[in-house]
mmCIF file of all heavy atoms, coordinates in Angstrom:
data_MODEL
# 
_entry.id   MODEL 
# 
loop_
_atom_site.group_PDB 
_atom_site.id 
_atom_site.type_symbol 
_atom_site.label_atom_id 
_atom_site.label_alt_id 
_atom_site.label_comp_id 
_atom_site.label_asym_id 
_atom_site.label_entity_id 
_atom_site.label_seq_id 
_atom_site.pdbx_PDB_ins_code 
_atom_site.Cartn_x 
_atom_site.Cartn_y 
_atom_site.Cartn_z 
_atom_site.occupancy 
_atom_site.B_iso_or_equiv 
_atom_site.pdbx_formal_charge 
_atom_site.auth_seq_id 
_atom_site.auth_comp_id 
_atom_site.auth_asym_id 
_atom_site.auth_atom_id 
_atom_site.pdbx_PDB_model_num 
ATOM 1   N N   . GLN A 1 1  ? 87.120  108.473 98.399  1.00 0.00 ? 1  GLN A N   1 
ATOM 2   C CA  . GLN A 1 1  ? 85.834  108.842 98.894  1.00 0.00 ? 1  GLN A CA  1 
ATOM 3   C C   . GLN A 1 1  ? 85.590  110.402 98.688  1.00 0.00 ? 1  GLN A C   1 
ATOM 4   O O   . GLN A 1 1  ? 84.458  110.782 98.365  1.00 0.00 ? 1  GLN A O   1 
ATOM 5   C CB  . GLN A 1 1  ? 85.757  108.472 100.407 1.00 0.00 ? 1  GLN A CB  1 
ATOM 6   C CG  . GLN A 1 1  ? 85.703  106.983 100.641 1.00 0.00 ? 1  GLN A CG  1 
ATOM 7   C CD  . GLN A 1 1  ? 85.816  106.678 102.145 1.00 0.00 ? 1  GLN A CD  1 
ATOM 8   O OE1 . GLN A 1 1  ? 86.163  107.538 102.961 1.00 0.00 ? 1  GLN A OE1 1 
ATOM 9   N NE2 . GLN A 1 1  ? 85.574  105.437 102.462 1.00 0.00 ? 1  GLN A NE2 1 
ATOM 10  N N   . PHE A 1 2  ? 86.632  111.125 98.882  1.00 0.00 ? 2  PHE A N   1 
ATOM 11  C CA  . PHE A 1 2  ? 86.459  112.606 98.689  1.00 0.00 ? 2  PHE A CA  1 
ATOM 12  C C   . PHE A 1 2  ? 86.116  112.925 97.238  1.00 0.00 ? 2  PHE A C   1 
ATOM 13  O O   . PHE A 1 2  ? 85.128  113.683 97.014  1.00 0.00 ? 2  PHE A O   1 
ATOM 14  C CB  . PHE A 1 2  ? 87.853  113.291 98.996  1.00 0.00 ? 2  PHE A CB  1 
ATOM 15  C CG  . PHE A 1 2  ? 87.780  114.788 98.870  1.00 0.00 ? 2  PHE A CG  1 
ATOM 16  C CD1 . PHE A 1 2  ? 87.377  115.608 99.857  1.00 0.00 ? 2  PHE A CD1 1 
ATOM 17  C CD2 . PHE A 1 2  ? 88.226  115.359 97.684  1.00 0.00 ? 2  PHE A CD2 1 
ATOM 18  C CE1 . PHE A 1 2  ? 87.293  116.979 99.714  1.00 0.00 ? 2  PHE A CE1 1 
ATOM 19  C CE2 . PHE A 1 2  ? 88.223  116.729 97.535  1.00 0.00 ? 2  PHE A CE2 1 
ATOM 20  C CZ  . PHE A 1 2  ? 87.741  117.534 98.583  1.00 0.00 ? 2  PHE A CZ  1 
ATOM 21  N N   . LEU A 1 3  ? 86.816  112.374 96.293  1.00 0.00 ? 3  LEU A N   1 
ATOM 22  C CA  . LEU A 1 3  ? 86.498  112.614 94.900  1.00 0.00 ? 3  LEU A CA  1 
ATOM 23  C C   . LEU A 1 3  ? 85.199  112.012 94.467  1.00 0.00 ? 3  LEU A C   1 
ATOM 24  O O   . LEU A 1 3  ? 84.436  112.615 93.632  1.00 0.00 ? 3  LEU A O   1 
ATOM 25  C CB  . LEU A 1 3  ? 87.677  112.056 93.995  1.00 0.00 ? 3  LEU A CB  1 
ATOM 26  C CG  . LEU A 1 3  ? 88.980  112.837 94.153  1.00 0.00 ? 3  LEU A CG  1 
ATOM 27  C CD1 . LEU A 1 3  ? 90.104  112.066 93.450  1.00 0.00 ? 3  LEU A CD1 1 
ATOM 28  C CD2 . LEU A 1 3  ? 88.882  114.281 93.669  1.00 0.00 ? 3  LEU A CD2 1 
ATOM 29  N N   . ASP A 1 4  ? 84.882  110.855 94.973  1.00 0.00 ? 4  ASP A N   1 
ATOM 30  C CA  . ASP A 1 4  ? 83.569  110.224 94.587  1.00 0.00 ? 4  ASP A CA  1 
ATOM 31  C C   . ASP A 1 4  ? 82.396  111.101 94.969  1.00 0.00 ? 4  ASP A C   1 
ATOM 32  O O   . ASP A 1 4  ? 81.404  111.225 94.284  1.00 0.00 ? 4  ASP A O   1 
ATOM 33  C CB  . ASP A 1 4  ? 83.450  108.831 95.226  1.00 0.00 ? 4  ASP A CB  1 
ATOM 34  C CG  . ASP A 1 4  ? 84.258  107.783 94.457  1.00 0.00 ? 4  ASP A CG  1 
ATOM 35  O OD1 . ASP A 1 4  ? 84.568  107.997 93.296  1.00 0.00 ? 4  ASP A OD1 1 
ATOM 36  O OD2 . ASP A 1 4  ? 84.600  106.749 95.071  1.00 0.00 ? 4  ASP A OD2 1 
ATOM 37  N N   . HIS A 1 5  ? 82.458  111.667 96.222  1.00 0.00 ? 5  HIS A N   1 
ATOM 38  C CA  . HIS A 1 5  ? 81.385  112.543 96.665  1.00 0.00 ? 5  HIS A CA  1 
ATOM 39  C C   . HIS A 1 5  ? 81.390  113.909 96.040  1.00 0.00 ? 5  HIS A C   1 
ATOM 40  O O   . HIS A 1 5  ? 80.362  114.530 95.810  1.00 0.00 ? 5  HIS A O   1 
ATOM 41  C CB  . HIS A 1 5  ? 81.462  112.751 98.206  1.00 0.00 ? 5  HIS A CB  1 
ATOM 42  C CG  . HIS A 1 5  ? 80.977  111.516 98.978  1.00 0.00 ? 5  HIS A CG  1 
ATOM 43  N ND1 . HIS A 1 5  ? 81.876  110.570 99.443  1.00 0.00 ? 5  HIS A ND1 1 
ATOM 44  C CD2 . HIS A 1 5  ? 79.728  111.148 99.337  1.00 0.00 ? 5  HIS A CD2 1 
ATOM 45  C CE1 . HIS A 1 5  ? 81.155  109.649 100.077 1.00 0.00 ? 5  HIS A CE1 1 
ATOM 46  N NE2 . HIS A 1 5  ? 79.877  109.984 100.010 1.00 0.00 ? 5  HIS A NE2 1 
ATOM 47  N N   . LEU A 1 6  ? 82.575  114.358 95.574  1.00 0.00 ? 6  LEU A N   1 
ATOM 48  C CA  . LEU A 1 6  ? 82.714  115.652 94.976  1.00 0.00 ? 6  LEU A CA  1 
ATOM 49  C C   . LEU A 1 6  ? 82.170  115.586 93.534  1.00 0.00 ? 6  LEU A C   1 
ATOM 50  O O   . LEU A 1 6  ? 81.492  116.502 93.079  1.00 0.00 ? 6  LEU A O   1 
ATOM 51  C CB  . LEU A 1 6  ? 84.164  116.080 94.943  1.00 0.00 ? 6  LEU A CB  1 
ATOM 52  C CG  . LEU A 1 6  ? 84.427  117.594 94.701  1.00 0.00 ? 6  LEU A CG  1 
ATOM 53  C CD1 . LEU A 1 6  ? 83.781  118.442 95.757  1.00 0.00 ? 6  LEU A CD1 1 
ATOM 54  C CD2 . LEU A 1 6  ? 85.903  117.870 94.654  1.00 0.00 ? 6  LEU A CD2 1 
ATOM 55  N N   . TYR A 1 7  ? 82.562  114.555 92.820  1.00 0.00 ? 7  TYR A N   1 
ATOM 56  C CA  . TYR A 1 7  ? 82.087  114.355 91.400  1.00 0.00 ? 7  TYR A CA  1 
ATOM 57  C C   . TYR A 1 7  ? 81.519  112.970 91.190  1.00 0.00 ? 7  TYR A C   1 
ATOM 58  O O   . TYR A 1 7  ? 82.175  112.113 90.659  1.00 0.00 ? 7  TYR A O   1 
ATOM 59  C CB  . TYR A 1 7  ? 83.253  114.614 90.460  1.00 0.00 ? 7  TYR A CB  1 
ATOM 60  C CG  . TYR A 1 7  ? 83.787  115.966 90.531  1.00 0.00 ? 7  TYR A CG  1 
ATOM 61  C CD1 . TYR A 1 7  ? 85.029  116.209 91.138  1.00 0.00 ? 7  TYR A CD1 1 
ATOM 62  C CD2 . TYR A 1 7  ? 83.107  117.078 90.031  1.00 0.00 ? 7  TYR A CD2 1 
ATOM 63  C CE1 . TYR A 1 7  ? 85.594  117.521 91.200  1.00 0.00 ? 7  TYR A CE1 1 
ATOM 64  C CE2 . TYR A 1 7  ? 83.608  118.346 90.068  1.00 0.00 ? 7  TYR A CE2 1 
ATOM 65  C CZ  . TYR A 1 7  ? 84.859  118.585 90.645  1.00 0.00 ? 7  TYR A CZ  1 
ATOM 66  O OH  . TYR A 1 7  ? 85.367  119.789 90.758  1.00 0.00 ? 7  TYR A OH  1 
ATOM 67  N N   . PRO A 1 8  ? 80.277  112.752 91.663  1.00 0.00 ? 8  PRO A N   1 
ATOM 68  C CA  . PRO A 1 8  ? 79.695  111.350 91.541  1.00 0.00 ? 8  PRO A CA  1 
ATOM 69  C C   . PRO A 1 8  ? 79.507  110.913 90.084  1.00 0.00 ? 8  PRO A C   1 
ATOM 70  O O   . PRO A 1 8  ? 79.400  109.761 89.793  1.00 0.00 ? 8  PRO A O   1 
ATOM 71  C CB  . PRO A 1 8  ? 78.348  111.541 92.239  1.00 0.00 ? 8  PRO A CB  1 
ATOM 72  C CG  . PRO A 1 8  ? 78.052  112.997 92.188  1.00 0.00 ? 8  PRO A CG  1 
ATOM 73  C CD  . PRO A 1 8  ? 79.393  113.686 92.282  1.00 0.00 ? 8  PRO A CD  1 
ATOM 74  N N   . GLU A 1 9  ? 79.494  111.929 89.135  1.00 0.00 ? 9  GLU A N   1 
ATOM 75  C CA  . GLU A 1 9  ? 79.319  111.571 87.733  1.00 0.00 ? 9  GLU A CA  1 
ATOM 76  C C   . GLU A 1 9  ? 80.606  111.035 87.132  1.00 0.00 ? 9  GLU A C   1 
ATOM 77  O O   . GLU A 1 9  ? 80.630  110.646 86.022  1.00 0.00 ? 9  GLU A O   1 
ATOM 78  C CB  . GLU A 1 9  ? 78.818  112.701 86.921  1.00 0.00 ? 9  GLU A CB  1 
ATOM 79  C CG  . GLU A 1 9  ? 79.778  113.864 86.739  1.00 0.00 ? 9  GLU A CG  1 
ATOM 80  C CD  . GLU A 1 9  ? 79.924  114.806 87.922  1.00 0.00 ? 9  GLU A CD  1 
ATOM 81  O OE1 . GLU A 1 9  ? 79.360  114.500 88.963  1.00 0.00 ? 9  GLU A OE1 1 
ATOM 82  O OE2 . GLU A 1 9  ? 80.642  115.828 87.783  1.00 0.00 ? 9  GLU A OE2 1 
ATOM 83  N N   . ARG A 1 10 ? 81.723  111.082 87.878  1.00 0.00 ? 10 ARG A N   1 
ATOM 84  C CA  . ARG A 1 10 ? 83.005  110.633 87.376  1.00 0.00 ? 10 ARG A CA  1 
ATOM 85  C C   . ARG A 1 10 ? 83.485  109.475 88.283  1.00 0.00 ? 10 ARG A C   1 
ATOM 86  O O   . ARG A 1 10 ? 84.388  109.666 89.119  1.00 0.00 ? 10 ARG A O   1 
ATOM 87  C CB  . ARG A 1 10 ? 84.038  111.749 87.411  1.00 0.00 ? 10 ARG A CB  1 
ATOM 88  C CG  . ARG A 1 10 ? 83.675  112.974 86.555  1.00 0.00 ? 10 ARG A CG  1 
ATOM 89  C CD  . ARG A 1 10 ? 84.754  114.045 86.709  1.00 0.00 ? 10 ARG A CD  1 
ATOM 90  N NE  . ARG A 1 10 ? 84.453  115.219 86.026  1.00 0.00 ? 10 ARG A NE  1 
ATOM 91  C CZ  . ARG A 1 10 ? 85.175  116.360 86.126  1.00 0.00 ? 10 ARG A CZ  1 
ATOM 92  N NH1 . ARG A 1 10 ? 86.266  116.370 86.870  1.00 0.00 ? 10 ARG A NH1 1 
ATOM 93  N NH2 . ARG A 1 10 ? 84.782  117.465 85.461  1.00 0.00 ? 10 ARG A NH2 1 
ATOM 94  N N   . PRO A 1 11 ? 82.989  108.312 88.076  1.00 0.00 ? 11 PRO A N   1 
ATOM 95  C CA  . PRO A 1 11 ? 83.434  107.122 88.852  1.00 0.00 ? 11 PRO A CA  1 
ATOM 96  C C   . PRO A 1 11 ? 84.960  106.854 88.644  1.00 0.00 ? 11 PRO A C   1 
ATOM 97  O O   . PRO A 1 11 ? 85.436  106.815 87.551  1.00 0.00 ? 11 PRO A O   1 
ATOM 98  C CB  . PRO A 1 11 ? 82.594  106.014 88.401  1.00 0.00 ? 11 PRO A CB  1 
ATOM 99  C CG  . PRO A 1 11 ? 82.114  106.431 87.001  1.00 0.00 ? 11 PRO A CG  1 
ATOM 100 C CD  . PRO A 1 11 ? 82.022  107.884 87.003  1.00 0.00 ? 11 PRO A CD  1 
ATOM 101 N N   . LEU A 1 12 ? 85.619  106.670 89.747  1.00 0.00 ? 12 LEU A N   1 
ATOM 102 C CA  . LEU A 1 12 ? 87.055  106.408 89.697  1.00 0.00 ? 12 LEU A CA  1 
ATOM 103 C C   . LEU A 1 12 ? 87.353  104.929 89.463  1.00 0.00 ? 12 LEU A C   1 
ATOM 104 O O   . LEU A 1 12 ? 86.670  104.063 90.002  1.00 0.00 ? 12 LEU A O   1 
ATOM 105 C CB  . LEU A 1 12 ? 87.696  106.831 91.025  1.00 0.00 ? 12 LEU A CB  1 
ATOM 106 C CG  . LEU A 1 12 ? 87.780  108.303 91.345  1.00 0.00 ? 12 LEU A CG  1 
ATOM 107 C CD1 . LEU A 1 12 ? 88.256  108.510 92.787  1.00 0.00 ? 12 LEU A CD1 1 
ATOM 108 C CD2 . LEU A 1 12 ? 88.703  108.992 90.380  1.00 0.00 ? 12 LEU A CD2 1 
ATOM 109 N N   . SER A 1 13 ? 88.373  104.624 88.684  1.00 0.00 ? 13 SER A N   1 
ATOM 110 C CA  . SER A 1 13 ? 88.879  103.300 88.539  1.00 0.00 ? 13 SER A CA  1 
ATOM 111 C C   . SER A 1 13 ? 89.606  102.867 89.757  1.00 0.00 ? 13 SER A C   1 
ATOM 112 O O   . SER A 1 13 ? 89.996  103.763 90.566  1.00 0.00 ? 13 SER A O   1 
ATOM 113 C CB  . SER A 1 13 ? 89.733  103.196 87.282  1.00 0.00 ? 13 SER A CB  1 
ATOM 114 O OG  . SER A 1 13 ? 89.094  103.609 86.125  1.00 0.00 ? 13 SER A OG  1 
ATOM 115 N N   . PRO A 1 14 ? 89.790  101.613 89.977  1.00 0.00 ? 14 PRO A N   1 
ATOM 116 C CA  . PRO A 1 14 ? 90.555  101.184 91.224  1.00 0.00 ? 14 PRO A CA  1 
ATOM 117 C C   . PRO A 1 14 ? 91.878  101.892 91.276  1.00 0.00 ? 14 PRO A C   1 
ATOM 118 O O   . PRO A 1 14 ? 92.578  101.956 90.229  1.00 0.00 ? 14 PRO A O   1 
ATOM 119 C CB  . PRO A 1 14 ? 90.676  99.686  91.055  1.00 0.00 ? 14 PRO A CB  1 
ATOM 120 C CG  . PRO A 1 14 ? 89.509  99.284  90.233  1.00 0.00 ? 14 PRO A CG  1 
ATOM 121 C CD  . PRO A 1 14 ? 89.292  100.447 89.267  1.00 0.00 ? 14 PRO A CD  1 
ATOM 122 N N   . ALA A 1 15 ? 92.233  102.359 92.449  1.00 0.00 ? 15 ALA A N   1 
ATOM 123 C CA  . ALA A 1 15 ? 93.563  103.063 92.597  1.00 0.00 ? 15 ALA A CA  1 
ATOM 124 C C   . ALA A 1 15 ? 94.727  102.023 92.491  1.00 0.00 ? 15 ALA A C   1 
ATOM 125 O O   . ALA A 1 15 ? 94.600  100.943 92.984  1.00 0.00 ? 15 ALA A O   1 
ATOM 126 C CB  . ALA A 1 15 ? 93.581  103.751 93.946  1.00 0.00 ? 15 ALA A CB  1 
ATOM 127 N N   . ILE A 1 16 ? 95.832  102.484 91.893  1.00 0.00 ? 16 ILE A N   1 
ATOM 128 C CA  . ILE A 1 16 ? 97.011  101.655 91.798  1.00 0.00 ? 16 ILE A CA  1 
ATOM 129 C C   . ILE A 1 16 ? 97.955  102.116 92.886  1.00 0.00 ? 16 ILE A C   1 
ATOM 130 O O   . ILE A 1 16 ? 98.310  103.285 92.997  1.00 0.00 ? 16 ILE A O   1 
ATOM 131 C CB  . ILE A 1 16 ? 97.631  101.779 90.404  1.00 0.00 ? 16 ILE A CB  1 
ATOM 132 C CG1 . ILE A 1 16 ? 96.734  101.293 89.325  1.00 0.00 ? 16 ILE A CG1 1 
ATOM 133 C CG2 . ILE A 1 16 ? 98.939  100.988 90.364  1.00 0.00 ? 16 ILE A CG2 1 
ATOM 134 C CD1 . ILE A 1 16 ? 97.288  101.472 87.894  1.00 0.00 ? 16 ILE A CD1 1 
ATOM 135 N N   . VAL A 1 17 ? 98.344  101.197 93.739  1.00 0.00 ? 17 VAL A N   1 
ATOM 136 C CA  . VAL A 1 17 ? 99.384  101.480 94.776  1.00 0.00 ? 17 VAL A CA  1 
ATOM 137 C C   . VAL A 1 17 ? 100.639 100.753 94.422  1.00 0.00 ? 17 VAL A C   1 
ATOM 138 O O   . VAL A 1 17 ? 100.672 99.534  94.303  1.00 0.00 ? 17 VAL A O   1 
ATOM 139 C CB  . VAL A 1 17 ? 98.847  101.007 96.175  1.00 0.00 ? 17 VAL A CB  1 
ATOM 140 C CG1 . VAL A 1 17 ? 99.912  101.348 97.201  1.00 0.00 ? 17 VAL A CG1 1 
ATOM 141 C CG2 . VAL A 1 17 ? 97.561  101.759 96.471  1.00 0.00 ? 17 VAL A CG2 1 
ATOM 142 N N   . TYR A 1 18 ? 101.755 101.475 94.191  1.00 0.00 ? 18 TYR A N   1 
ATOM 143 C CA  . TYR A 1 18 ? 103.010 100.957 93.879  1.00 0.00 ? 18 TYR A CA  1 
ATOM 144 C C   . TYR A 1 18 ? 103.879 100.707 95.099  1.00 0.00 ? 18 TYR A C   1 
ATOM 145 O O   . TYR A 1 18 ? 103.973 101.541 95.997  1.00 0.00 ? 18 TYR A O   1 
ATOM 146 C CB  . TYR A 1 18 ? 103.784 101.831 92.896  1.00 0.00 ? 18 TYR A CB  1 
ATOM 147 C CG  . TYR A 1 18 ? 103.162 101.995 91.577  1.00 0.00 ? 18 TYR A CG  1 
ATOM 148 C CD1 . TYR A 1 18 ? 102.547 103.142 91.162  1.00 0.00 ? 18 TYR A CD1 1 
ATOM 149 C CD2 . TYR A 1 18 ? 103.113 100.932 90.644  1.00 0.00 ? 18 TYR A CD2 1 
ATOM 150 C CE1 . TYR A 1 18 ? 101.936 103.320 89.895  1.00 0.00 ? 18 TYR A CE1 1 
ATOM 151 C CE2 . TYR A 1 18 ? 102.586 101.024 89.367  1.00 0.00 ? 18 TYR A CE2 1 
ATOM 152 C CZ  . TYR A 1 18 ? 101.981 102.205 89.049  1.00 0.00 ? 18 TYR A CZ  1 
ATOM 153 O OH  . TYR A 1 18 ? 101.361 102.360 87.831  1.00 0.00 ? 18 TYR A OH  1 
ATOM 154 N N   . GLU A 1 19 ? 104.494 99.546  95.154  1.00 0.00 ? 19 GLU A N   1 
ATOM 155 C CA  . GLU A 1 19 ? 105.369 99.108  96.267  1.00 0.00 ? 19 GLU A CA  1 
ATOM 156 C C   . GLU A 1 19 ? 106.584 98.389  95.682  1.00 0.00 ? 19 GLU A C   1 
ATOM 157 O O   . GLU A 1 19 ? 106.442 97.607  94.733  1.00 0.00 ? 19 GLU A O   1 
ATOM 158 C CB  . GLU A 1 19 ? 104.582 98.168  97.206  1.00 0.00 ? 19 GLU A CB  1 
ATOM 159 C CG  . GLU A 1 19 ? 105.356 97.538  98.277  1.00 0.00 ? 19 GLU A CG  1 
ATOM 160 C CD  . GLU A 1 19 ? 106.054 98.440  99.185  1.00 0.00 ? 19 GLU A CD  1 
ATOM 161 O OE1 . GLU A 1 19 ? 105.370 99.323  99.799  1.00 0.00 ? 19 GLU A OE1 1 
ATOM 162 O OE2 . GLU A 1 19 ? 107.267 98.314  99.387  1.00 0.00 ? 19 GLU A OE2 1 
ATOM 163 N N   . ASP A 1 20 ? 107.736 98.697  96.245  1.00 0.00 ? 20 ASP A N   1 
ATOM 164 C CA  . ASP A 1 20 ? 109.021 98.061  95.687  1.00 0.00 ? 20 ASP A CA  1 
ATOM 165 C C   . ASP A 1 20 ? 109.473 96.905  96.526  1.00 0.00 ? 20 ASP A C   1 
ATOM 166 O O   . ASP A 1 20 ? 110.548 96.298  96.186  1.00 0.00 ? 20 ASP A O   1 
ATOM 167 C CB  . ASP A 1 20 ? 110.072 99.071  95.523  1.00 0.00 ? 20 ASP A CB  1 
ATOM 168 C CG  . ASP A 1 20 ? 110.545 99.714  96.871  1.00 0.00 ? 20 ASP A CG  1 
ATOM 169 O OD1 . ASP A 1 20 ? 109.982 99.359  97.910  1.00 0.00 ? 20 ASP A OD1 1 
ATOM 170 O OD2 . ASP A 1 20 ? 111.412 100.614 96.857  1.00 0.00 ? 20 ASP A OD2 1 
ATOM 171 N N   . ASN A 1 21 ? 108.781 96.547  97.622  1.00 0.00 ? 21 ASN A N   1 
ATOM 172 C CA  . ASN A 1 21 ? 109.193 95.401  98.458  1.00 0.00 ? 21 ASN A CA  1 
ATOM 173 C C   . ASN A 1 21 ? 108.253 94.252  98.218  1.00 0.00 ? 21 ASN A C   1 
ATOM 174 O O   . ASN A 1 21 ? 107.091 94.295  98.570  1.00 0.00 ? 21 ASN A O   1 
ATOM 175 C CB  . ASN A 1 21 ? 109.143 95.847  99.945  1.00 0.00 ? 21 ASN A CB  1 
ATOM 176 C CG  . ASN A 1 21 ? 109.720 94.815  100.889 1.00 0.00 ? 21 ASN A CG  1 
ATOM 177 O OD1 . ASN A 1 21 ? 109.118 93.740  101.030 1.00 0.00 ? 21 ASN A OD1 1 
ATOM 178 N ND2 . ASN A 1 21 ? 110.852 95.104  101.467 1.00 0.00 ? 21 ASN A ND2 1 
ATOM 179 N N   . THR A 1 22 ? 108.786 93.181  97.610  1.00 0.00 ? 22 THR A N   1 
ATOM 180 C CA  . THR A 1 22 ? 107.961 92.071  97.241  1.00 0.00 ? 22 THR A CA  1 
ATOM 181 C C   . THR A 1 22 ? 107.409 91.298  98.480  1.00 0.00 ? 22 THR A C   1 
ATOM 182 O O   . THR A 1 22 ? 106.305 90.756  98.417  1.00 0.00 ? 22 THR A O   1 
ATOM 183 C CB  . THR A 1 22 ? 108.750 91.052  96.373  1.00 0.00 ? 22 THR A CB  1 
ATOM 184 O OG1 . THR A 1 22 ? 109.947 90.644  97.024  1.00 0.00 ? 22 THR A OG1 1 
ATOM 185 C CG2 . THR A 1 22 ? 109.114 91.728  95.042  1.00 0.00 ? 22 THR A CG2 1 
ATOM 186 N N   . SER A 1 23 ? 108.151 91.314  99.536  1.00 0.00 ? 23 SER A N   1 
ATOM 187 C CA  . SER A 1 23 ? 107.695 90.603  100.767 1.00 0.00 ? 23 SER A CA  1 
ATOM 188 C C   . SER A 1 23 ? 106.516 91.325  101.355 1.00 0.00 ? 23 SER A C   1 
ATOM 189 O O   . SER A 1 23 ? 105.529 90.717  101.793 1.00 0.00 ? 23 SER A O   1 
ATOM 190 C CB  . SER A 1 23 ? 108.790 90.519  101.833 1.00 0.00 ? 23 SER A CB  1 
ATOM 191 O OG  . SER A 1 23 ? 109.883 89.743  101.325 1.00 0.00 ? 23 SER A OG  1 
ATOM 192 N N   . ALA A 1 24 ? 106.541 92.694  101.292 1.00 0.00 ? 24 ALA A N   1 
ATOM 193 C CA  . ALA A 1 24 ? 105.428 93.423  101.797 1.00 0.00 ? 24 ALA A CA  1 
ATOM 194 C C   . ALA A 1 24 ? 104.165 93.209  100.916 1.00 0.00 ? 24 ALA A C   1 
ATOM 195 O O   . ALA A 1 24 ? 103.006 93.134  101.438 1.00 0.00 ? 24 ALA A O   1 
ATOM 196 C CB  . ALA A 1 24 ? 105.741 94.964  101.862 1.00 0.00 ? 24 ALA A CB  1 
ATOM 197 N N   . ILE A 1 25 ? 104.394 93.042  99.683  1.00 0.00 ? 25 ILE A N   1 
ATOM 198 C CA  . ILE A 1 25 ? 103.255 92.777  98.734  1.00 0.00 ? 25 ILE A CA  1 
ATOM 199 C C   . ILE A 1 25 ? 102.636 91.455  99.077  1.00 0.00 ? 25 ILE A C   1 
ATOM 200 O O   . ILE A 1 25 ? 101.398 91.270  99.091  1.00 0.00 ? 25 ILE A O   1 
ATOM 201 C CB  . ILE A 1 25 ? 103.725 92.843  97.265  1.00 0.00 ? 25 ILE A CB  1 
ATOM 202 C CG1 . ILE A 1 25 ? 104.151 94.269  96.889  1.00 0.00 ? 25 ILE A CG1 1 
ATOM 203 C CG2 . ILE A 1 25 ? 102.650 92.328  96.335  1.00 0.00 ? 25 ILE A CG2 1 
ATOM 204 C CD1 . ILE A 1 25 ? 104.698 94.422  95.516  1.00 0.00 ? 25 ILE A CD1 1 
ATOM 205 N N   . ARG A 1 26 ? 103.484 90.430  99.315  1.00 0.00 ? 26 ARG A N   1 
ATOM 206 C CA  . ARG A 1 26 ? 102.986 89.101  99.662  1.00 0.00 ? 26 ARG A CA  1 
ATOM 207 C C   . ARG A 1 26 ? 102.196 89.125  100.975 1.00 0.00 ? 26 ARG A C   1 
ATOM 208 O O   . ARG A 1 26 ? 101.104 88.467  101.091 1.00 0.00 ? 26 ARG A O   1 
ATOM 209 C CB  . ARG A 1 26 ? 104.114 88.162  99.779  1.00 0.00 ? 26 ARG A CB  1 
ATOM 210 C CG  . ARG A 1 26 ? 104.669 87.658  98.432  1.00 0.00 ? 26 ARG A CG  1 
ATOM 211 C CD  . ARG A 1 26 ? 105.517 86.386  98.632  1.00 0.00 ? 26 ARG A CD  1 
ATOM 212 N NE  . ARG A 1 26 ? 106.739 86.622  99.442  1.00 0.00 ? 26 ARG A NE  1 
ATOM 213 C CZ  . ARG A 1 26 ? 107.891 87.009  98.979  1.00 0.00 ? 26 ARG A CZ  1 
ATOM 214 N NH1 . ARG A 1 26 ? 108.081 87.240  97.662  1.00 0.00 ? 26 ARG A NH1 1 
ATOM 215 N NH2 . ARG A 1 26 ? 108.933 87.208  99.800  1.00 0.00 ? 26 ARG A NH2 1 
ATOM 216 N N   . MET A 1 27 ? 102.635 89.926  101.931 1.00 0.00 ? 27 MET A N   1 
ATOM 217 C CA  . MET A 1 27 ? 101.954 90.045  103.176 1.00 0.00 ? 27 MET A CA  1 
ATOM 218 C C   . MET A 1 27 ? 100.580 90.647  102.965 1.00 0.00 ? 27 MET A C   1 
ATOM 219 O O   . MET A 1 27 ? 99.553  90.153  103.532 1.00 0.00 ? 27 MET A O   1 
ATOM 220 C CB  . MET A 1 27 ? 102.693 90.913  104.179 1.00 0.00 ? 27 MET A CB  1 
ATOM 221 C CG  . MET A 1 27 ? 103.947 90.273  104.793 1.00 0.00 ? 27 MET A CG  1 
ATOM 222 S SD  . MET A 1 27 ? 104.815 91.410  105.867 1.00 0.00 ? 27 MET A SD  1 
ATOM 223 C CE  . MET A 1 27 ? 103.613 91.770  107.134 1.00 0.00 ? 27 MET A CE  1 
# 
């Protein structure tokens, strides 16, 4: 939200969140 409002002409792609616990990912 901060970057979108700061530079509206540069739309962000969906953020990638990395997680190493497969059970947490399933949850």
